[in-house]
Amino acid sequence: MKLSAAEIDRARRILELGEKASLKEIRAAYRVLSKKWHPDKCKKKDERECHEKMKEINKAYKTILHYIENYNYSFAEEKVLEDSPEERWKKQFGRDPTWGEGWG
């Protein structure tokens, strides 16, 4: 299944996620929305709306999981340094006596 950027963004918005989220945050957002919109928690008159909203939430969650499961991670040093400000700082200033750990 090939996902477009628009589909991923729509799923992200449905789950009320920011532009960056960890797997833990994704799961937490799904649980919160599931508790809120689960048809068993809805009043009789809102049951259809809750059912449709729950279908939308489930589809968004599956879309996001599919995206992150099939994402190619880079283990190149440049990418690791880009994703870790602390590592980048150590590489840039680690030997500097003023900013880093110094020479000793």
Protein backbone atom coordinates (compact mmCIF):
# COMPACT_ATOMS: atom_id res chain seq x y z
CA MET A 1 0.00 0.00 0.00
CA LYS A 2 1.55 3.28 -1.15
CA LEU A 3 0.56 6.28 0.96
CA SER A 4 0.53 9.86 -0.20
CA ALA A 5 1.69 12.75 1.96
CA ALA A 6 -1.90 14.04 2.01
CA GLU A 7 -3.21 10.73 3.39
CA ILE A 8 -0.57 10.68 6.11
CA ASP A 9 -1.25 14.32 7.01
CA ARG A 10 -4.99 13.69 7.16
CA ALA A 11 -4.45 10.69 9.44
CA ARG A 12 -2.15 12.77 11.65
CA ARG A 13 -4.78 15.47 11.98
CA ILE A 14 -7.55 12.98 12.76
CA LEU A 15 -5.41 11.60 15.59
CA GLU A 16 -4.71 15.19 16.69
CA LEU A 17 -0.93 14.73 16.43
CA GLY A 18 1.67 17.40 15.85
CA GLU A 19 4.12 17.23 12.97
CA LYS A 20 6.39 15.03 15.07
CA ALA A 21 5.26 12.23 17.35
CA SER A 22 6.78 9.17 18.94
CA LEU A 23 5.13 5.77 18.75
CA LYS A 24 4.20 6.19 22.41
CA GLU A 25 2.46 9.50 21.63
CA ILE A 26 0.64 8.00 18.64
CA ARG A 27 -0.69 5.12 20.74
CA ALA A 28 -1.71 7.48 23.54
CA ALA A 29 -3.61 9.75 21.12
CA TYR A 30 -5.39 6.72 19.66
CA ARG A 31 -6.41 5.49 23.12
CA VAL A 32 -7.73 8.90 24.16
CA LEU A 33 -9.81 9.28 21.00
CA SER A 34 -11.03 5.68 21.17
CA LYS A 35 -12.29 6.21 24.71
CA LYS A 36 -14.00 9.43 23.67
CA TRP A 37 -15.68 8.12 20.49
CA HIS A 38 -16.26 4.41 21.12
CA PRO A 39 -19.89 3.56 20.24
CA ASP A 40 -20.38 1.83 23.61
CA LYS A 41 -19.70 5.17 25.33
CA CYS A 42 -22.10 7.17 23.15
CA LYS A 43 -25.68 8.05 23.87
CA LYS A 44 -28.29 6.31 21.74
CA LYS A 45 -28.94 9.34 19.51
CA ASP A 46 -25.23 9.83 18.78
CA GLU A 47 -24.44 6.17 18.16
CA ARG A 48 -24.20 6.50 14.37
CA GLU A 49 -21.92 9.55 14.58
CA CYS A 50 -19.68 7.75 17.10
CA HIS A 51 -19.55 4.67 14.89
CA GLU A 52 -18.46 6.74 11.87
CA LYS A 53 -15.92 8.73 13.91
CA MET A 54 -14.48 5.50 15.35
CA LYS A 55 -14.09 4.07 11.83
CA GLU A 56 -12.24 7.24 10.83
CA ILE A 57 -9.96 7.04 13.91
CA ASN A 58 -9.17 3.36 13.29
CA LYS A 59 -8.34 4.01 9.64
CA ALA A 60 -6.09 6.95 10.58
CA TYR A 61 -4.30 4.86 13.20
CA LYS A 62 -3.70 2.02 10.72
CA THR A 63 -2.45 4.53 8.14
CA ILE A 64 0.06 6.05 10.57
CA LEU A 65 1.23 2.62 11.76
CA HIS A 66 1.67 1.45 8.19
CA TYR A 67 3.70 4.56 7.42
CA ILE A 68 6.03 4.21 10.39
CA GLU A 69 6.44 0.45 9.96
CA ASN A 70 7.59 0.93 6.38
CA TYR A 71 9.73 4.01 6.96
CA ASN A 72 13.40 3.64 6.09
CA TYR A 73 15.60 4.86 8.90
CA SER A 74 19.03 6.24 8.17
CA PHE A 75 21.92 5.11 10.36
CA ALA A 76 24.38 7.38 8.59
CA GLU A 77 26.41 9.48 11.01
CA GLU A 78 25.14 12.74 9.49
CA LYS A 79 21.52 11.74 10.02
CA VAL A 80 22.12 10.52 13.57
CA LEU A 81 23.84 13.82 14.38
CA GLU A 82 20.99 15.75 12.78
CA ASP A 83 18.41 13.93 14.92
CA SER A 84 20.45 14.21 18.13
CA PRO A 85 21.47 17.76 19.08
CA GLU A 86 23.54 16.43 22.00
CA GLU A 87 25.61 14.19 19.72
CA ARG A 88 26.04 17.01 17.22
CA TRP A 89 27.22 19.33 20.03
CA LYS A 90 29.74 16.73 21.26
CA LYS A 91 31.11 16.23 17.76
CA GLN A 92 31.40 19.97 17.12
CA PHE A 93 32.64 21.16 20.52
CA GLY A 94 33.65 18.02 22.41
CA ARG A 95 37.37 18.87 22.49
CA ASP A 96 36.88 22.59 23.06
CA PRO A 97 38.01 23.59 26.56
CA THR A 98 35.32 26.27 26.84
CA TRP A 99 32.25 24.56 25.33
CA GLY A 100 33.04 20.86 25.47
CA GLU A 101 34.73 18.39 27.75
CA GLY A 102 38.16 19.82 27.04
CA TRP A 103 41.35 18.03 26.06
CA GLY A 104 41.81 15.98 29.15
